[in-house]
Amino acid sequence: VEVYTTSGCKYCVKAKKRMREEGVPYEEIDVNEDKVSRSEMSRRAGGRTSVPQIFVAGEHVGGCDDL
């Protein structure tokens, strides 16, 4: 699982907490000040720019509510 996040994002915190509680390992990619990662996230997420954006096995799941 890949999770694109920014610091201070309450939805990012909520999504990561849920995955930890469920025992789901994930890789966090902080796009706060990384324009390259943010651009990659947006491209992979079909143009979405909000965080978190979550991918499972390379497939876009969506954001926190979609998790």
Protein backbone atom coordinates (compact mmCIF):
# COMPACT_ATOMS: atom_id res chain seq x y z
CA VAL A 1 0.00 0.00 0.00
CA GLU A 2 1.27 3.45 -0.92
CA VAL A 3 -0.12 6.52 0.82
CA TYR A 4 0.64 10.01 -0.46
CA THR A 5 0.40 12.46 2.44
CA THR A 6 1.30 15.90 3.74
CA SER A 7 2.21 16.84 7.29
CA GLY A 8 -0.64 18.26 9.33
CA CYS A 9 -3.35 16.60 7.22
CA LYS A 10 -6.02 15.19 9.56
CA TYR A 11 -7.34 12.85 6.86
CA CYS A 12 -3.84 11.47 6.28
CA VAL A 13 -3.50 10.81 10.01
CA LYS A 14 -6.89 9.11 10.06
CA ALA A 15 -6.08 6.86 7.07
CA LYS A 16 -2.69 5.83 8.48
CA LYS A 17 -4.22 5.12 11.90
CA ARG A 18 -6.85 2.87 10.35
CA MET A 19 -4.25 0.91 8.39
CA ARG A 20 -2.08 0.48 11.51
CA GLU A 21 -5.11 -0.74 13.48
CA GLU A 22 -5.92 -3.24 10.71
CA GLY A 23 -2.29 -4.39 10.51
CA VAL A 24 -1.87 -3.19 6.93
CA PRO A 25 1.72 -2.25 6.12
CA TYR A 26 2.10 0.88 4.01
CA GLU A 27 4.71 3.15 2.48
CA GLU A 28 4.16 6.83 3.20
CA ILE A 29 5.17 9.31 0.50
CA ASP A 30 5.16 12.87 1.87
CA VAL A 31 4.40 15.31 -0.94
CA ASN A 32 4.42 18.39 1.27
CA GLU A 33 7.39 20.02 -0.44
CA ASP A 34 8.24 17.47 -3.11
CA LYS A 35 6.84 18.72 -6.42
CA VAL A 36 7.98 15.62 -8.30
CA SER A 37 6.15 13.23 -5.94
CA ARG A 38 3.07 15.47 -5.88
CA SER A 39 2.99 15.52 -9.68
CA GLU A 40 3.39 11.72 -9.79
CA MET A 41 0.58 11.34 -7.24
CA SER A 42 -1.75 13.55 -9.27
CA ARG A 43 -0.95 11.70 -12.50
CA ARG A 44 -1.54 8.31 -10.88
CA ALA A 45 -4.73 9.51 -9.16
CA GLY A 46 -6.38 10.75 -12.34
CA GLY A 47 -5.69 14.42 -11.68
CA ARG A 48 -6.62 14.50 -8.01
CA THR A 49 -4.45 16.81 -5.94
CA SER A 50 -5.89 16.31 -2.46
CA VAL A 51 -4.30 14.04 0.12
CA PRO A 52 -4.24 11.34 1.12
CA GLN A 53 -4.23 9.40 -2.12
CA ILE A 54 -4.05 5.67 -1.51
CA PHE A 55 -2.89 2.90 -3.86
CA VAL A 56 -3.15 -0.84 -3.24
CA ALA A 57 -1.05 -3.10 -5.46
CA GLY A 58 -0.61 -0.14 -7.82
CA GLU A 59 -4.35 0.47 -8.15
CA HIS A 60 -5.82 3.79 -7.03
CA VAL A 61 -8.26 3.35 -4.14
CA GLY A 62 -8.94 7.04 -3.49
CA GLY A 63 -8.72 9.09 -0.34
CA CYS A 64 -9.42 8.54 3.33
CA ASP A 65 -13.18 8.10 2.95
CA ASP A 66 -12.66 5.61 0.12
CA LEU A 67 -10.37 3.50 2.28
